[in-house]
C-alpha atoms as a PDB file:
ATOM      1  CA  MET A   1     177.255 169.042  12.815  1.00  0.00           C
ATOM      2  CA  CYS A   2     174.846 167.209  15.121  1.00  0.00           C
ATOM      3  CA  LYS A   3     174.088 170.382  17.078  1.00  0.00           C
ATOM      4  CA  ARG A   4     173.136 172.252  13.910  1.00  0.00           C
ATOM      5  CA  TRP A   5     170.949 169.374  12.692  1.00  0.00           C
ATOM      6  CA  CYS A   6     169.224 169.120  16.083  1.00  0.00           C
ATOM      7  CA  VAL A   7     168.517 172.869  16.103  1.00  0.00           C
ATOM      8  CA  VAL A   8     167.077 172.715  12.570  1.00  0.00           C
ATOM      9  CA  LEU A   9     164.920 169.720  13.518  1.00  0.00           C
ATOM     10  CA  TRP A  10     163.696 171.490  16.668  1.00  0.00           C
ATOM     11  CA  MET A  11     162.821 174.608  14.634  1.00  0.00           C
ATOM     12  CA  CYS A  12     160.872 172.564  12.065  1.00  0.00           C
ATOM     13  CA  LEU A  13     158.941 170.737  14.761  1.00  0.00           C
ATOM     14  CA  SER A  14     158.230 173.987  16.590  1.00  0.00           C
ATOM     15  CA  LEU A  15     156.952 175.685  13.433  1.00  0.00           C
ATOM     16  CA  ASN A  16     154.765 172.674  12.641  1.00  0.00           C
ATOM     17  CA  ALA A  17     153.296 172.691  16.156  1.00  0.00           C
ATOM     18  CA  PHE A  18     152.704 176.445  15.913  1.00  0.00           C
ATOM     19  CA  ALA A  19     150.905 176.051  12.556  1.00  0.00           C
ATOM     20  CA  LEU A  20     148.626 173.387  14.014  1.00  0.00           C
ATOM     21  CA  GLN A  21     147.924 175.480  17.083  1.00  0.00           C
ATOM     22  CA  ALA A  22     147.189 178.520  14.927  1.00  0.00           C
ATOM     23  CA  ALA A  23     144.616 176.525  12.940  1.00  0.00           C
ATOM     24  CA  ASP A  24     142.802 175.737  16.201  1.00  0.00           C
ATOM     25  CA  GLU A  25     142.875 179.354  17.311  1.00  0.00           C
ATOM     26  CA  ASP A  26     141.493 180.528  13.958  1.00  0.00           C
ATOM     27  CA  TYR A  27     138.361 178.382  14.205  1.00  0.00           C
ATOM     28  CA  PRO A  28     135.451 180.148  15.893  1.00  0.00           C
ATOM     29  CA  PRO A  29     133.730 178.441  18.828  1.00  0.00           C
ATOM     30  CA  PRO A  30     131.430 175.666  17.570  1.00  0.00           C
ATOM     31  CA  PRO A  31     127.648 175.844  17.956  1.00  0.00           C
ATOM     32  CA  THR A  32     126.317 174.394  21.214  1.00  0.00           C
ATOM     33  CA  GLY A  33     126.431 170.604  21.082  1.00  0.00           C
ATOM     34  CA  ILE A  34     129.013 170.486  18.272  1.00  0.00           C
ATOM     35  CA  THR A  35     132.716 169.665  18.520  1.00  0.00           C
ATOM     36  CA  TRP A  36     135.150 170.457  15.718  1.00  0.00           C
ATOM     37  CA  GLY A  37     137.131 167.445  14.516  1.00  0.00           C
ATOM     38  CA  TRP A  38     136.515 163.737  14.120  1.00  0.00           C
ATOM     39  CA  GLN A  39     132.962 162.600  14.774  1.00  0.00           C
ATOM     40  CA  ASN A  40     132.712 159.022  13.633  1.00  0.00           C
ATOM     41  CA  ASN A  41     133.524 156.638  10.802  1.00  0.00           C
ATOM     42  CA  VAL A  42     131.813 154.036   8.664  1.00  0.00           C
ATOM     43  CA  THR A  43     133.504 150.819   7.574  1.00  0.00           C
ATOM     44  CA  PHE A  44     133.310 148.870   4.325  1.00  0.00           C
ATOM     45  CA  PRO A  45     133.752 145.238   3.291  1.00  0.00           C
ATOM     46  CA  LEU A  46     136.878 144.116   1.456  1.00  0.00           C
ATOM     47  CA  ASN A  47     137.160 145.540  -2.060  1.00  0.00           C
ATOM     48  CA  SER A  48     133.845 147.413  -1.751  1.00  0.00           C
ATOM     49  CA  ALA A  49     132.544 150.958  -1.740  1.00  0.00           C
ATOM     50  CA  LYS A  50     128.974 149.908  -0.954  1.00  0.00           C
ATOM     51  CA  LEU A  51     127.415 151.415   2.172  1.00  0.00           C
ATOM     52  CA  GLN A  52     126.374 148.848   4.759  1.00  0.00           C
ATOM     53  CA  LYS A  53     123.050 149.139   6.621  1.00  0.00           C
ATOM     54  CA  VAL A  54     124.938 149.532   9.898  1.00  0.00           C
ATOM     55  CA  ALA A  55     126.426 152.799   8.562  1.00  0.00           C
ATOM     56  CA  LEU A  56     123.084 154.459   7.868  1.00  0.00           C
ATOM     57  CA  PRO A  57     122.261 155.534  11.468  1.00  0.00           C
ATOM     58  CA  VAL A  58     125.710 157.141  11.753  1.00  0.00           C
ATOM     59  CA  LEU A  59     125.215 159.022   8.495  1.00  0.00           C
ATOM     60  CA  ASP A  60     121.605 159.935   9.304  1.00  0.00           C
ATOM     61  CA  ASN A  61     122.770 161.562  12.558  1.00  0.00           C
ATOM     62  CA  LEU A  62     125.234 163.625  10.535  1.00  0.00           C
ATOM     63  CA  VAL A  63     122.451 164.580   8.100  1.00  0.00           C
ATOM     64  CA  TYR A  64     120.360 165.844  11.006  1.00  0.00           C
ATOM     65  CA  THR A  65     123.247 167.872  12.427  1.00  0.00           C
ATOM     66  CA  LEU A  66     124.332 169.343   9.090  1.00  0.00           C
ATOM     67  CA  ARG A  67     120.766 170.332   8.173  1.00  0.00           C
ATOM     68  CA  GLN A  68     120.224 171.898  11.599  1.00  0.00           C
ATOM     69  CA  TYR A  69     123.565 173.774  11.546  1.00  0.00           C
ATOM     70  CA  PRO A  70     124.282 175.162   8.063  1.00  0.00           C
ATOM     71  CA  SER A  71     127.439 176.817   9.440  1.00  0.00           C
ATOM     72  CA  VAL A  72     128.964 173.370  10.088  1.00  0.00           C
ATOM     73  CA  ASN A  73     130.857 171.599   7.292  1.00  0.00           C
ATOM     74  CA  LEU A  74     132.013 167.986   7.058  1.00  0.00           C
ATOM     75  CA  LEU A  75     135.348 166.567   5.896  1.00  0.00           C
ATOM     76  CA  ILE A  76     134.872 163.079   4.406  1.00  0.00           C
ATOM     77  CA  THR A  77     138.127 161.068   4.280  1.00  0.00           C
ATOM     78  CA  GLY A  78     138.165 157.771   2.359  1.00  0.00           C
ATOM     79  CA  ARG A  79     140.618 155.074   3.413  1.00  0.00           C
ATOM     80  CA  ALA A  80     141.640 151.542   2.426  1.00  0.00           C
ATOM     81  CA  ASP A  81     143.659 148.664   3.829  1.00  0.00           C
ATOM     82  CA  ASN A  82     146.927 147.509   2.247  1.00  0.00           C
ATOM     83  CA  THR A  83     145.542 144.617   0.189  1.00  0.00           C
ATOM     84  CA  GLY A  84     145.836 145.323  -3.515  1.00  0.00           C
ATOM     85  CA  GLU A  85     147.920 147.860  -5.403  1.00  0.00           C
ATOM     86  CA  GLU A  86     148.423 151.316  -3.928  1.00  0.00           C
ATOM     87  CA  ASN A  87     146.839 153.050  -6.955  1.00  0.00           C
ATOM     88  CA  TYR A  88     143.779 150.790  -6.735  1.00  0.00           C
ATOM     89  CA  ASN A  89     143.456 151.476  -3.002  1.00  0.00           C
ATOM     90  CA  SER A  90     143.578 155.210  -3.666  1.00  0.00           C
ATOM     91  CA  GLN A  91     140.758 154.868  -6.217  1.00  0.00           C
ATOM     92  CA  LEU A  92     138.757 152.658  -3.842  1.00  0.00           C
ATOM     93  CA  SER A  93     139.120 155.135  -0.983  1.00  0.00           C
ATOM     94  CA  ARG A  94     137.945 157.900  -3.361  1.00  0.00           C
ATOM     95  CA  LYS A  95     134.873 155.810  -4.252  1.00  0.00           C
ATOM     96  CA  ARG A  96     134.140 155.252  -0.557  1.00  0.00           C
ATOM     97  CA  ALA A  97     134.308 158.975   0.175  1.00  0.00           C
ATOM     98  CA  THR A  98     132.107 159.678  -2.858  1.00  0.00           C
ATOM     99  CA  VAL A  99     129.421 157.161  -1.875  1.00  0.00           C
ATOM    100  CA  VAL A 100     129.199 158.743   1.589  1.00  0.00           C
ATOM    101  CA  GLU A 101     129.078 162.226   0.052  1.00  0.00           C
ATOM    102  CA  GLN A 102     126.314 161.166  -2.376  1.00  0.00           C
ATOM    103  CA  TYR A 103     124.269 159.590   0.422  1.00  0.00           C
ATOM    104  CA  LEU A 104     124.447 162.766   2.504  1.00  0.00           C
ATOM    105  CA  ILE A 105     123.427 164.938  -0.464  1.00  0.00           C
ATOM    106  CA  LYS A 106     120.556 162.583  -1.328  1.00  0.00           C
ATOM    107  CA  GLN A 107     119.331 162.969   2.270  1.00  0.00           C
ATOM    108  CA  GLY A 108     119.228 166.758   1.926  1.00  0.00           C
ATOM    109  CA  VAL A 109     122.665 167.981   3.006  1.00  0.00           C
ATOM    110  CA  ASN A 110     123.828 171.046   1.097  1.00  0.00           C
ATOM    111  CA  PRO A 111     126.793 169.962  -1.104  1.00  0.00           C
ATOM    112  CA  SER A 112     128.636 173.167  -0.174  1.00  0.00           C
ATOM    113  CA  GLN A 113     128.907 171.800   3.402  1.00  0.00           C
ATOM    114  CA  LEU A 114     130.938 168.788   2.237  1.00  0.00           C
ATOM    115  CA  SER A 115     134.648 168.370   1.455  1.00  0.00           C
ATOM    116  CA  LYS A 116     136.250 165.048   0.650  1.00  0.00           C
ATOM    117  CA  GLN A 117     139.670 163.527   0.270  1.00  0.00           C
ATOM    118  CA  GLU A 118     141.102 160.070  -0.199  1.00  0.00           C
ATOM    119  CA  ILE A 119     144.285 158.783   1.351  1.00  0.00           C
ATOM    120  CA  GLY A 120     144.192 155.160   0.209  1.00  0.00           C
ATOM    121  CA  GLU A 121     146.234 152.882   2.420  1.00  0.00           C
ATOM    122  CA  GLN A 122     148.299 155.738   3.894  1.00  0.00           C
ATOM    123  CA  ARG A 123     148.071 156.472   7.632  1.00  0.00           C
ATOM    124  CA  PRO A 124     146.430 153.231   8.808  1.00  0.00           C
ATOM    125  CA  VAL A 125     144.969 153.056  12.302  1.00  0.00           C
ATOM    126  CA  ALA A 126     145.521 149.302  12.523  1.00  0.00           C
ATOM    127  CA  SER A 127     148.498 147.138  11.600  1.00  0.00           C
ATOM    128  CA  ASP A 128     146.963 145.397   8.529  1.00  0.00           C
ATOM    129  CA  ALA A 129     148.514 142.201   9.949  1.00  0.00           C
ATOM    130  CA  CYS A 130     145.254 140.252   9.895  1.00  0.00           C
ATOM    131  CA  ALA A 131     141.659 140.459   8.690  1.00  0.00           C
ATOM    132  CA  GLU A 132     140.404 142.219  11.841  1.00  0.00           C
ATOM    133  CA  ASP A 133     143.027 144.940  11.586  1.00  0.00           C
ATOM    134  CA  ARG A 134     142.497 145.406   7.845  1.00  0.00           C
ATOM    135  CA  GLN A 135     138.750 145.844   8.479  1.00  0.00           C
ATOM    136  CA  ARG A 136     139.496 148.794  10.776  1.00  0.00           C
ATOM    137  CA  ASN A 137     141.393 150.472   7.907  1.00  0.00           C
ATOM    138  CA  ARG A 138     138.594 150.045   5.317  1.00  0.00           C
ATOM    139  CA  ARG A 139     136.564 153.096   6.264  1.00  0.00           C
ATOM    140  CA  VAL A 140     135.525 156.690   5.765  1.00  0.00           C
ATOM    141  CA  ASP A 141     136.321 159.130   8.577  1.00  0.00           C
ATOM    142  CA  LEU A 142     134.021 162.096   9.180  1.00  0.00           C
ATOM    143  CA  ALA A 143     135.098 165.406  10.762  1.00  0.00           C
ATOM    144  CA  PHE A 144     133.255 168.680  11.404  1.00  0.00           C
ATOM    145  CA  PHE A 145     134.834 172.050  10.623  1.00  0.00           C
ATOM    146  CA  PRO A 146     133.353 175.583  10.460  1.00  0.00           C
ATOM    147  CA  GLN A 147     131.856 177.124   7.332  1.00  0.00           C
ATOM    148  CA  GLY A 148     134.134 179.664   5.697  1.00  0.00           C
ATOM    149  CA  TYR A 149     137.267 177.802   6.805  1.00  0.00           C
ATOM    150  CA  LEU A 150     139.351 175.157   5.116  1.00  0.00           C
ATOM    151  CA  PRO A 151     139.341 171.780   6.830  1.00  0.00           C
ATOM    152  CA  ASP A 152     142.567 171.050   8.677  1.00  0.00           C
ATOM    153  CA  TYR A 153     143.853 168.173   6.530  1.00  0.00           C
ATOM    154  CA  VAL A 154     146.942 167.735   8.709  1.00  0.00           C
ATOM    155  CA  LYS A 155     145.759 167.851  12.294  1.00  0.00           C
ATOM    156  CA  PRO A 156     143.246 164.979  12.096  1.00  0.00           C
ATOM    157  CA  PHE A 157     146.152 162.634  11.401  1.00  0.00           C
ATOM    158  CA  GLN A 158     148.202 163.531  14.468  1.00  0.00           C
ATOM    159  CA  GLY A 159     148.692 160.325  16.437  1.00  0.00           C
ATOM    160  CA  ASP A 160     147.164 158.435  13.535  1.00  0.00           C
ATOM    161  CA  THR A 161     150.361 157.626  11.667  1.00  0.00           C
ATOM    162  CA  LYS A 162     151.530 154.703  13.793  1.00  0.00           C
ATOM    163  CA  PRO A 163     149.269 151.686  13.344  1.00  0.00           C
ATOM    164  CA  GLN A 164     147.949 150.087  16.486  1.00  0.00           C
ATOM    165  CA  ALA A 165     147.720 146.321  16.676  1.00  0.00           C
ATOM    166  CA  GLY A 166     144.276 144.860  17.123  1.00  0.00           C
ATOM    167  CA  GLU A 167     143.456 141.807  19.196  1.00  0.00           C
ATOM    168  CA  CYS A 168     144.503 139.437  16.421  1.00  0.00           C
ATOM    169  CA  GLU A 169     148.038 140.869  16.395  1.00  0.00           C
ATOM    170  CA  GLU A 170     148.249 140.571  20.179  1.00  0.00           C
ATOM    171  CA  VAL A 171     147.109 136.939  19.960  1.00  0.00           C
ATOM    172  CA  LYS A 172     149.735 136.209  17.281  1.00  0.00           C
ATOM    173  CA  GLU A 173     152.421 137.786  19.466  1.00  0.00           C
ATOM    174  CA  MET A 174     151.311 135.661  22.433  1.00  0.00           C
ATOM    175  CA  GLU A 175     151.382 132.503  20.279  1.00  0.00           C
ATOM    176  CA  ARG A 176     154.909 133.335  19.045  1.00  0.00           C
ATOM    177  CA  PHE A 177     156.011 133.833  22.652  1.00  0.00           C
ATOM    178  CA  ILE A 178     154.459 130.533  23.800  1.00  0.00           C
ATOM    179  CA  HIS A 179     155.991 128.559  20.921  1.00  0.00           C
ATOM    180  CA  SER A 180     159.419 130.065  21.489  1.00  0.00           C
ATOM    181  CA  HIS A 181     159.538 128.873  25.116  1.00  0.00           C
END
């Protein structure tokens, strides 16, 4: 029974890896100076979808690139930390993605170059164990993909499903160790 299950698992993993590889091979080479995939992110305060001034230079650089290269599209992915209800966090991450999308359009980006999604509190990059880690999860991720192609909604999350502890979690772990000895 175990052998059969292991073979089925191996086949599923192999097919998944092949599908991801095929998506890469299907994308044409990017224009000079452009890399397909994640570019940057902008963060948000707790319970807010308001753009911070610190985010504007990041977004303005994307505006410049998207206006210069009309064959480049942008995937905007809204995210949230785990405070609050899951449904609320999904709505908040949608609002965050929308505010970024609206800013880019207002600055002259063609709306047809933009795709957005929200994933709420799913797939955090930090542990959500403390304020510092939760701040890292309150963001919008930005990824380039070629015009005429669908964004790869799966690949950007590879390696992104296991939260990484920030400094605050490491400090807490050290304190627990010290107090236990």
